[in-house]
Amino acid sequence: MPIDRDEVLHIARLARVGLSEEDVHRFQEQLSQILDYFQVLQELDTSEVPPTSHVLPLQNVMRDDEPGASLPSQEVLANAPQREGDFFKVRAVFEE
């Protein structure tokens, strides 16, 4: 399905992209090829293919284990470079 020069310029204007004459010619060929591929896909019989929302199977990204007991605060803070009481002491990020 050939695409003409005016259609390429229209698409470029919608995308707010400036094109040289060489670009217009190159994109005219490339967009025509893309539409030809879609035409081939339109000819495929997909009546037996079930509709899907994703092309790949989804997997649960949540952990399946239960949360365990936390470490004691003294053990957590043992390697802290600086601490203040039971907290990590860090450099101030915001100015007062």
PDB file of N, CA and C in Angstrom:
ATOM      1  N   MET A   1       0.851  -1.160   0.000  1.00  0.00           N
ATOM      2  CA  MET A   1       0.000   0.000   0.000  1.00  0.00           C
ATOM      3  C   MET A   1       0.904   1.233   0.000  1.00  0.00           C
ATOM      4  N   PRO A   2       1.086   1.836  -1.131  1.00  0.00           N
ATOM      5  CA  PRO A   2       2.002   2.983  -1.202  1.00  0.00           C
ATOM      6  C   PRO A   2       1.432   4.211  -0.486  1.00  0.00           C
ATOM      7  N   ILE A   3       2.307   4.918   0.174  1.00  0.00           N
ATOM      8  CA  ILE A   3       1.945   6.141   0.860  1.00  0.00           C
ATOM      9  C   ILE A   3       2.575   7.293   0.066  1.00  0.00           C
ATOM     10  N   ASP A   4       1.837   8.361  -0.097  1.00  0.00           N
ATOM     11  CA  ASP A   4       2.371   9.441  -0.940  1.00  0.00           C
ATOM     12  C   ASP A   4       3.096  10.495  -0.102  1.00  0.00           C
ATOM     13  N   ARG A   5       3.737  11.389  -0.802  1.00  0.00           N
ATOM     14  CA  ARG A   5       4.564  12.427  -0.185  1.00  0.00           C
ATOM     15  C   ARG A   5       3.756  13.298   0.775  1.00  0.00           C
ATOM     16  N   ASP A   6       2.540  13.662   0.364  1.00  0.00           N
ATOM     17  CA  ASP A   6       1.700  14.523   1.200  1.00  0.00           C
ATOM     18  C   ASP A   6       1.357  13.860   2.530  1.00  0.00           C
ATOM     19  N   GLU A   7       1.130  12.551   2.512  1.00  0.00           N
ATOM     20  CA  GLU A   7       0.824  11.843   3.755  1.00  0.00           C
ATOM     21  C   GLU A   7       2.033  11.831   4.694  1.00  0.00           C
ATOM     22  N   VAL A   8       3.228  11.663   4.138  1.00  0.00           N
ATOM     23  CA  VAL A   8       4.436  11.703   4.957  1.00  0.00           C
ATOM     24  C   VAL A   8       4.590  13.083   5.582  1.00  0.00           C
ATOM     25  N   LEU A   9       4.371  14.127   4.803  1.00  0.00           N
ATOM     26  CA  LEU A   9       4.479  15.489   5.326  1.00  0.00           C
ATOM     27  C   LEU A   9       3.413  15.759   6.390  1.00  0.00           C
ATOM     28  N   HIS A  10       2.221  15.206   6.193  1.00  0.00           N
ATOM     29  CA  HIS A  10       1.155  15.365   7.184  1.00  0.00           C
ATOM     30  C   HIS A  10       1.537  14.692   8.503  1.00  0.00           C
ATOM     31  N   ILE A  11       2.074  13.481   8.431  1.00  0.00           N
ATOM     32  CA  ILE A  11       2.508  12.756   9.627  1.00  0.00           C
ATOM     33  C   ILE A  11       3.636  13.517  10.321  1.00  0.00           C
ATOM     34  N   ALA A  12       4.572  14.035   9.538  1.00  0.00           N
ATOM     35  CA  ALA A  12       5.682  14.804  10.109  1.00  0.00           C
ATOM     36  C   ALA A  12       5.166  16.067  10.801  1.00  0.00           C
ATOM     37  N   ARG A  13       4.173  16.712  10.213  1.00  0.00           N
ATOM     38  CA  ARG A  13       3.613  17.914  10.824  1.00  0.00           C
ATOM     39  C   ARG A  13       2.905  17.565  12.133  1.00  0.00           C
ATOM     40  N   LEU A  14       2.170  16.447  12.166  1.00  0.00           N
ATOM     41  CA  LEU A  14       1.508  16.017  13.398  1.00  0.00           C
ATOM     42  C   LEU A  14       2.524  15.713  14.499  1.00  0.00           C
ATOM     43  N   ALA A  15       3.661  15.144  14.107  1.00  0.00           N
ATOM     44  CA  ALA A  15       4.706  14.804  15.070  1.00  0.00           C
ATOM     45  C   ALA A  15       5.628  15.989  15.341  1.00  0.00           C
ATOM     46  N   ARG A  16       5.384  17.081  14.639  1.00  0.00           N
ATOM     47  CA  ARG A  16       6.213  18.290  14.765  1.00  0.00           C
ATOM     48  C   ARG A  16       7.685  17.975  14.499  1.00  0.00           C
ATOM     49  N   VAL A  17       7.902  17.277  13.368  1.00  0.00           N
ATOM     50  CA  VAL A  17       9.241  16.882  12.957  1.00  0.00           C
ATOM     51  C   VAL A  17       9.520  17.516  11.603  1.00  0.00           C
ATOM     52  N   GLY A  18      10.649  18.173  11.497  1.00  0.00           N
ATOM     53  CA  GLY A  18      11.057  18.730  10.213  1.00  0.00           C
ATOM     54  C   GLY A  18      11.790  17.682   9.396  1.00  0.00           C
ATOM     55  N   LEU A  19      11.452  17.587   8.126  1.00  0.00           N
ATOM     56  CA  LEU A  19      12.061  16.582   7.249  1.00  0.00           C
ATOM     57  C   LEU A  19      12.667  17.246   6.024  1.00  0.00           C
ATOM     58  N   SER A  20      13.809  16.721   5.614  1.00  0.00           N
ATOM     59  CA  SER A  20      14.387  17.146   4.338  1.00  0.00           C
ATOM     60  C   SER A  20      13.721  16.338   3.224  1.00  0.00           C
ATOM     61  N   GLU A  21      13.984  16.703   1.989  1.00  0.00           N
ATOM     62  CA  GLU A  21      13.402  15.955   0.856  1.00  0.00           C
ATOM     63  C   GLU A  21      13.890  14.508   0.854  1.00  0.00           C
ATOM     64  N   GLU A  22      15.136  14.318   1.250  1.00  0.00           N
ATOM     65  CA  GLU A  22      15.687  12.959   1.327  1.00  0.00           C
ATOM     66  C   GLU A  22      14.950  12.149   2.397  1.00  0.00           C
ATOM     67  N   ASP A  23      14.673  12.788   3.536  1.00  0.00           N
ATOM     68  CA  ASP A  23      13.927  12.117   4.605  1.00  0.00           C
ATOM     69  C   ASP A  23      12.521  11.756   4.158  1.00  0.00           C
ATOM     70  N   VAL A  24      11.872  12.674   3.452  1.00  0.00           N
ATOM     71  CA  VAL A  24      10.510  12.423   2.972  1.00  0.00           C
ATOM     72  C   VAL A  24      10.502  11.192   2.072  1.00  0.00           C
ATOM     73  N   HIS A  25      11.458  11.108   1.164  1.00  0.00           N
ATOM     74  CA  HIS A  25      11.526   9.963   0.253  1.00  0.00           C
ATOM     75  C   HIS A  25      11.794   8.666   1.029  1.00  0.00           C
ATOM     76  N   ARG A  26      12.747   8.716   1.972  1.00  0.00           N
ATOM     77  CA  ARG A  26      13.083   7.513   2.745  1.00  0.00           C
ATOM     78  C   ARG A  26      11.892   7.050   3.590  1.00  0.00           C
ATOM     79  N   PHE A  27      11.221   7.997   4.281  1.00  0.00           N
ATOM     80  CA  PHE A  27      10.078   7.622   5.113  1.00  0.00           C
ATOM     81  C   PHE A  27       8.892   7.175   4.268  1.00  0.00           C
ATOM     82  N   GLN A  28       8.778   7.704   3.074  1.00  0.00           N
ATOM     83  CA  GLN A  28       7.705   7.267   2.186  1.00  0.00           C
ATOM     84  C   GLN A  28       7.872   5.787   1.877  1.00  0.00           C
ATOM     85  N   GLU A  29       9.103   5.371   1.584  1.00  0.00           N
ATOM     86  CA  GLU A  29       9.370   3.955   1.301  1.00  0.00           C
ATOM     87  C   GLU A  29       9.165   3.094   2.557  1.00  0.00           C
ATOM     88  N   GLN A  30       9.702   3.561   3.686  1.00  0.00           N
ATOM     89  CA  GLN A  30       9.620   2.768   4.913  1.00  0.00           C
ATOM     90  C   GLN A  30       8.182   2.624   5.401  1.00  0.00           C
ATOM     91  N   LEU A  31       7.412   3.704   5.387  1.00  0.00           N
ATOM     92  CA  LEU A  31       6.018   3.620   5.829  1.00  0.00           C
ATOM     93  C   LEU A  31       5.192   2.746   4.885  1.00  0.00           C
ATOM     94  N   SER A  32       5.497   2.796   3.608  1.00  0.00           N
ATOM     95  CA  SER A  32       4.799   1.926   2.649  1.00  0.00           C
ATOM     96  C   SER A  32       5.086   0.462   2.953  1.00  0.00           C
ATOM     97  N   GLN A  33       6.340   0.151   3.288  1.00  0.00           N
ATOM     98  CA  GLN A  33       6.684  -1.233   3.629  1.00  0.00           C
ATOM     99  C   GLN A  33       5.958  -1.684   4.892  1.00  0.00           C
ATOM    100  N   ILE A  34       5.875  -0.805   5.876  1.00  0.00           N
ATOM    101  CA  ILE A  34       5.181  -1.150   7.123  1.00  0.00           C
ATOM    102  C   ILE A  34       3.710  -1.450   6.837  1.00  0.00           C
ATOM    103  N   LEU A  35       3.076  -0.629   6.005  1.00  0.00           N
ATOM    104  CA  LEU A  35       1.673  -0.873   5.667  1.00  0.00           C
ATOM    105  C   LEU A  35       1.501  -2.153   4.866  1.00  0.00           C
ATOM    106  N   ASP A  36       2.485  -2.484   4.037  1.00  0.00           N
ATOM    107  CA  ASP A  36       2.442  -3.757   3.306  1.00  0.00           C
ATOM    108  C   ASP A  36       2.493  -4.936   4.270  1.00  0.00           C
ATOM    109  N   TYR A  37       3.318  -4.835   5.303  1.00  0.00           N
ATOM    110  CA  TYR A  37       3.380  -5.904   6.305  1.00  0.00           C
ATOM    111  C   TYR A  37       2.040  -6.058   7.016  1.00  0.00           C
ATOM    112  N   PHE A  38       1.399  -4.952   7.327  1.00  0.00           N
ATOM    113  CA  PHE A  38       0.085  -5.030   7.960  1.00  0.00           C
ATOM    114  C   PHE A  38      -0.939  -5.686   7.032  1.00  0.00           C
ATOM    115  N   GLN A  39      -0.820  -5.441   5.753  1.00  0.00           N
ATOM    116  CA  GLN A  39      -1.724  -6.077   4.790  1.00  0.00           C
ATOM    117  C   GLN A  39      -1.541  -7.590   4.810  1.00  0.00           C
ATOM    118  N   VAL A  40      -0.295  -8.042   4.909  1.00  0.00           N
ATOM    119  CA  VAL A  40      -0.028  -9.486   4.992  1.00  0.00           C
ATOM    120  C   VAL A  40      -0.656 -10.047   6.272  1.00  0.00           C
ATOM    121  N   LEU A  41      -0.528  -9.322   7.375  1.00  0.00           N
ATOM    122  CA  LEU A  41      -1.112  -9.788   8.634  1.00  0.00           C
ATOM    123  C   LEU A  41      -2.634  -9.831   8.571  1.00  0.00           C
ATOM    124  N   GLN A  42      -3.242  -8.914   7.833  1.00  0.00           N
ATOM    125  CA  GLN A  42      -4.702  -8.900   7.689  1.00  0.00           C
ATOM    126  C   GLN A  42      -5.216 -10.153   6.983  1.00  0.00           C
ATOM    127  N   GLU A  43      -4.378 -10.762   6.166  1.00  0.00           N
ATOM    128  CA  GLU A  43      -4.798 -11.936   5.399  1.00  0.00           C
ATOM    129  C   GLU A  43      -4.745 -13.219   6.219  1.00  0.00           C
ATOM    130  N   LEU A  44      -4.135 -13.181   7.402  1.00  0.00           N
ATOM    131  CA  LEU A  44      -4.041 -14.376   8.231  1.00  0.00           C
ATOM    132  C   LEU A  44      -5.389 -14.693   8.876  1.00  0.00           C
ATOM    133  N   ASP A  45      -5.683 -15.992   8.978  1.00  0.00           N
ATOM    134  CA  ASP A  45      -6.912 -16.433   9.636  1.00  0.00           C
ATOM    135  C   ASP A  45      -6.655 -16.522  11.134  1.00  0.00           C
ATOM    136  N   THR A  46      -7.260 -15.654  11.897  1.00  0.00           N
ATOM    137  CA  THR A  46      -7.075 -15.646  13.347  1.00  0.00           C
ATOM    138  C   THR A  46      -8.359 -16.035  14.080  1.00  0.00           C
ATOM    139  N   SER A  47      -9.274 -16.674  13.377  1.00  0.00           N
ATOM    140  CA  SER A  47     -10.554 -17.020  13.989  1.00  0.00           C
ATOM    141  C   SER A  47     -10.399 -18.036  15.125  1.00  0.00           C
ATOM    142  N   GLU A  48      -9.377 -18.868  15.089  1.00  0.00           N
ATOM    143  CA  GLU A  48      -9.164 -19.882  16.122  1.00  0.00           C
ATOM    144  C   GLU A  48      -8.222 -19.402  17.229  1.00  0.00           C
ATOM    145  N   VAL A  49      -7.751 -18.184  17.141  1.00  0.00           N
ATOM    146  CA  VAL A  49      -6.827 -17.657  18.144  1.00  0.00           C
ATOM    147  C   VAL A  49      -7.644 -16.914  19.205  1.00  0.00           C
ATOM    148  N   PRO A  50      -7.522 -17.327  20.470  1.00  0.00           N
ATOM    149  CA  PRO A  50      -8.304 -16.646  21.511  1.00  0.00           C
ATOM    150  C   PRO A  50      -7.777 -15.233  21.745  1.00  0.00           C
ATOM    151  N   PRO A  51      -8.661 -14.307  22.045  1.00  0.00           N
ATOM    152  CA  PRO A  51      -8.211 -12.946  22.326  1.00  0.00           C
ATOM    153  C   PRO A  51      -7.418 -12.909  23.632  1.00  0.00           C
ATOM    154  N   THR A  52      -6.374 -12.116  23.643  1.00  0.00           N
ATOM    155  CA  THR A  52      -5.545 -11.983  24.833  1.00  0.00           C
ATOM    156  C   THR A  52      -5.280 -10.510  25.107  1.00  0.00           C
ATOM    157  N   SER A  53      -5.018 -10.209  26.355  1.00  0.00           N
ATOM    158  CA  SER A  53      -4.689  -8.827  26.701  1.00  0.00           C
ATOM    159  C   SER A  53      -3.185  -8.612  26.709  1.00  0.00           C
ATOM    160  N   HIS A  54      -2.405  -9.714  26.783  1.00  0.00           N
ATOM    161  CA  HIS A  54      -0.951  -9.622  26.777  1.00  0.00           C
ATOM    162  C   HIS A  54      -0.395 -10.709  25.868  1.00  0.00           C
ATOM    163  N   VAL A  55       0.702 -10.406  25.207  1.00  0.00           N
ATOM    164  CA  VAL A  55       1.293 -11.404  24.321  1.00  0.00           C
ATOM    165  C   VAL A  55       2.112 -12.432  25.082  1.00  0.00           C
ATOM    166  N   LEU A  56       2.571 -12.057  26.287  1.00  0.00           N
ATOM    167  CA  LEU A  56       3.338 -12.980  27.112  1.00  0.00           C
ATOM    168  C   LEU A  56       2.532 -13.329  28.353  1.00  0.00           C
ATOM    169  N   PRO A  57       2.720 -14.531  28.893  1.00  0.00           N
ATOM    170  CA  PRO A  57       1.978 -14.878  30.106  1.00  0.00           C
ATOM    171  C   PRO A  57       2.422 -13.992  31.274  1.00  0.00           C
ATOM    172  N   LEU A  58       1.460 -13.603  32.084  1.00  0.00           N
ATOM    173  CA  LEU A  58       1.760 -12.761  33.235  1.00  0.00           C
ATOM    174  C   LEU A  58       2.208 -13.620  34.404  1.00  0.00           C
ATOM    175  N   GLN A  59       3.097 -13.063  35.196  1.00  0.00           N
ATOM    176  CA  GLN A  59       3.548 -13.751  36.393  1.00  0.00           C
ATOM    177  C   GLN A  59       3.328 -12.830  37.577  1.00  0.00           C
ATOM    178  N   ASN A  60       3.036 -13.435  38.703  1.00  0.00           N
ATOM    179  CA  ASN A  60       2.850 -12.660  39.909  1.00  0.00           C
ATOM    180  C   ASN A  60       4.217 -12.173  40.383  1.00  0.00           C
ATOM    181  N   VAL A  61       4.356 -10.875  40.567  1.00  0.00           N
ATOM    182  CA  VAL A  61       5.635 -10.320  40.992  1.00  0.00           C
ATOM    183  C   VAL A  61       5.703 -10.149  42.504  1.00  0.00           C
ATOM    184  N   MET A  62       4.637 -10.468  43.176  1.00  0.00           N
ATOM    185  CA  MET A  62       4.618 -10.355  44.628  1.00  0.00           C
ATOM    186  C   MET A  62       5.295 -11.584  45.230  1.00  0.00           C
ATOM    187  N   ARG A  63       5.900 -11.388  46.375  1.00  0.00           N
ATOM    188  CA  ARG A  63       6.536 -12.519  47.062  1.00  0.00           C
ATOM    189  C   ARG A  63       5.463 -13.440  47.617  1.00  0.00           C
ATOM    190  N   ASP A  64       5.723 -14.727  47.557  1.00  0.00           N
ATOM    191  CA  ASP A  64       4.739 -15.679  48.049  1.00  0.00           C
ATOM    192  C   ASP A  64       4.988 -16.083  49.496  1.00  0.00           C
ATOM    193  N   ASP A  65       6.095 -15.611  50.074  1.00  0.00           N
ATOM    194  CA  ASP A  65       6.369 -15.974  51.463  1.00  0.00           C
ATOM    195  C   ASP A  65       5.811 -14.924  52.417  1.00  0.00           C
ATOM    196  N   GLU A  66       5.687 -15.284  53.659  1.00  0.00           N
ATOM    197  CA  GLU A  66       5.180 -14.391  54.688  1.00  0.00           C
ATOM    198  C   GLU A  66       6.340 -13.612  55.299  1.00  0.00           C
ATOM    199  N   PRO A  67       6.080 -12.392  55.750  1.00  0.00           N
ATOM    200  CA  PRO A  67       7.168 -11.633  56.390  1.00  0.00           C
ATOM    201  C   PRO A  67       7.605 -12.317  57.682  1.00  0.00           C
ATOM    202  N   GLY A  68       8.904 -12.262  57.923  1.00  0.00           N
ATOM    203  CA  GLY A  68       9.446 -12.888  59.125  1.00  0.00           C
ATOM    204  C   GLY A  68       9.755 -11.843  60.181  1.00  0.00           C
ATOM    205  N   ALA A  69      10.383 -12.301  61.229  1.00  0.00           N
ATOM    206  CA  ALA A  69      10.736 -11.407  62.330  1.00  0.00           C
ATOM    207  C   ALA A  69      11.857 -10.471  61.894  1.00  0.00           C
ATOM    208  N   SER A  70      11.834  -9.251  62.396  1.00  0.00           N
ATOM    209  CA  SER A  70      12.871  -8.276  62.095  1.00  0.00           C
ATOM    210  C   SER A  70      14.098  -8.534  62.949  1.00  0.00           C
ATOM    211  N   LEU A  71      15.223  -8.008  62.491  1.00  0.00           N
ATOM    212  CA  LEU A  71      16.440  -8.110  63.280  1.00  0.00           C
ATOM    213  C   LEU A  71      16.345  -7.150  64.465  1.00  0.00           C
ATOM    214  N   PRO A  72      17.023  -7.457  65.540  1.00  0.00           N
ATOM    215  CA  PRO A  72      17.051  -6.527  66.677  1.00  0.00           C
ATOM    216  C   PRO A  72      17.743  -5.230  66.257  1.00  0.00           C
ATOM    217  N   SER A  73      17.278  -4.098  66.769  1.00  0.00           N
ATOM    218  CA  SER A  73      17.810  -2.803  66.341  1.00  0.00           C
ATOM    219  C   SER A  73      19.298  -2.668  66.633  1.00  0.00           C
ATOM    220  N   GLN A  74      19.781  -3.246  67.736  1.00  0.00           N
ATOM    221  CA  GLN A  74      21.206  -3.165  68.056  1.00  0.00           C
ATOM    222  C   GLN A  74      22.045  -3.899  67.006  1.00  0.00           C
ATOM    223  N   GLU A  75      21.541  -4.996  66.493  1.00  0.00           N
ATOM    224  CA  GLU A  75      22.260  -5.752  65.464  1.00  0.00           C
ATOM    225  C   GLU A  75      22.245  -4.988  64.131  1.00  0.00           C
ATOM    226  N   VAL A  76      21.140  -4.355  63.834  1.00  0.00           N
ATOM    227  CA  VAL A  76      21.030  -3.581  62.596  1.00  0.00           C
ATOM    228  C   VAL A  76      21.970  -2.386  62.633  1.00  0.00           C
ATOM    229  N   LEU A  77      22.028  -1.717  63.775  1.00  0.00           N
ATOM    230  CA  LEU A  77      22.835  -0.507  63.904  1.00  0.00           C
ATOM    231  C   LEU A  77      24.302  -0.772  64.205  1.00  0.00           C
ATOM    232  N   ALA A  78      24.693  -2.031  64.345  1.00  0.00           N
ATOM    233  CA  ALA A  78      26.065  -2.373  64.729  1.00  0.00           C
ATOM    234  C   ALA A  78      27.086  -1.841  63.729  1.00  0.00           C
ATOM    235  N   ASN A  79      26.774  -1.835  62.440  1.00  0.00           N
ATOM    236  CA  ASN A  79      27.719  -1.387  61.418  1.00  0.00           C
ATOM    237  C   ASN A  79      27.405   0.002  60.875  1.00  0.00           C
ATOM    238  N   ALA A  80      26.521   0.727  61.538  1.00  0.00           N
ATOM    239  CA  ALA A  80      26.174   2.070  61.065  1.00  0.00           C
ATOM    240  C   ALA A  80      27.369   3.002  61.243  1.00  0.00           C
ATOM    241  N   PRO A  81      27.722   3.782  60.229  1.00  0.00           N
ATOM    242  CA  PRO A  81      28.842   4.702  60.380  1.00  0.00           C
ATOM    243  C   PRO A  81      28.581   5.747  61.455  1.00  0.00           C
ATOM    244  N   GLN A  82      27.341   6.225  61.532  1.00  0.00           N
ATOM    245  CA  GLN A  82      26.955   7.171  62.572  1.00  0.00           C
ATOM    246  C   GLN A  82      25.551   6.804  63.036  1.00  0.00           C
ATOM    247  N   ARG A  83      25.311   6.990  64.298  1.00  0.00           N
ATOM    248  CA  ARG A  83      23.983   6.715  64.824  1.00  0.00           C
ATOM    249  C   ARG A  83      23.661   7.694  65.924  1.00  0.00           C
ATOM    250  N   GLU A  84      22.380   7.841  66.128  1.00  0.00           N
ATOM    251  CA  GLU A  84      21.897   8.714  67.191  1.00  0.00           C
ATOM    252  C   GLU A  84      20.782   7.962  67.894  1.00  0.00           C
ATOM    253  N   GLY A  85      21.084   7.416  69.046  1.00  0.00           N
ATOM    254  CA  GLY A  85      20.112   6.585  69.750  1.00  0.00           C
ATOM    255  C   GLY A  85      19.874   5.307  68.967  1.00  0.00           C
ATOM    256  N   ASP A  86      18.612   5.028  68.679  1.00  0.00           N
ATOM    257  CA  ASP A  86      18.262   3.827  67.922  1.00  0.00           C
ATOM    258  C   ASP A  86      18.015   4.133  66.444  1.00  0.00           C
ATOM    259  N   PHE A  87      18.652   5.184  65.916  1.00  0.00           N
ATOM    260  CA  PHE A  87      18.431   5.592  64.526  1.00  0.00           C
ATOM    261  C   PHE A  87      19.755   5.768  63.796  1.00  0.00           C
ATOM    262  N   PHE A  88      19.706   5.612  62.470  1.00  0.00           N
ATOM    263  CA  PHE A  88      20.849   5.961  61.644  1.00  0.00           C
ATOM    264  C   PHE A  88      20.952   7.476  61.592  1.00  0.00           C
ATOM    265  N   LYS A  89      22.155   8.008  61.698  1.00  0.00           N
ATOM    266  CA  LYS A  89      22.337   9.446  61.575  1.00  0.00           C
ATOM    267  C   LYS A  89      22.887   9.701  60.177  1.00  0.00           C
ATOM    268  N   VAL A  90      22.183  10.547  59.419  1.00  0.00           N
ATOM    269  CA  VAL A  90      22.579  10.844  58.046  1.00  0.00           C
ATOM    270  C   VAL A  90      22.733  12.341  57.877  1.00  0.00           C
ATOM    271  N   ARG A  91      23.431  12.694  56.827  1.00  0.00           N
ATOM    272  CA  ARG A  91      23.620  14.105  56.513  1.00  0.00           C
ATOM    273  C   ARG A  91      22.288  14.708  56.122  1.00  0.00           C
ATOM    274  N   ALA A  92      22.064  15.938  56.521  1.00  0.00           N
ATOM    275  CA  ALA A  92      20.807  16.619  56.212  1.00  0.00           C
ATOM    276  C   ALA A  92      20.679  16.806  54.703  1.00  0.00           C
ATOM    277  N   VAL A  93      19.489  16.570  54.204  1.00  0.00           N
ATOM    278  CA  VAL A  93      19.225  16.717  52.775  1.00  0.00           C
ATOM    279  C   VAL A  93      18.575  18.072  52.497  1.00  0.00           C
ATOM    280  N   PHE A  94      17.691  18.477  53.357  1.00  0.00           N
ATOM    281  CA  PHE A  94      16.980  19.743  53.189  1.00  0.00           C
ATOM    282  C   PHE A  94      17.584  20.801  54.100  1.00  0.00           C
ATOM    283  N   GLU A  95      17.593  22.003  53.625  1.00  0.00           N
ATOM    284  CA  GLU A  95      18.046  23.103  54.461  1.00  0.00           C
ATOM    285  C   GLU A  95      16.911  23.544  55.359  1.00  0.00           C
ATOM    286  N   GLU A  96      17.241  24.063  56.525  1.00  0.00           N
ATOM    287  CA  GLU A  96      16.200  24.536  57.435  1.00  0.00           C
ATOM    288  C   GLU A  96      15.858  25.966  57.170  1.00  0.00           C
TER     289      GLU A  96
END
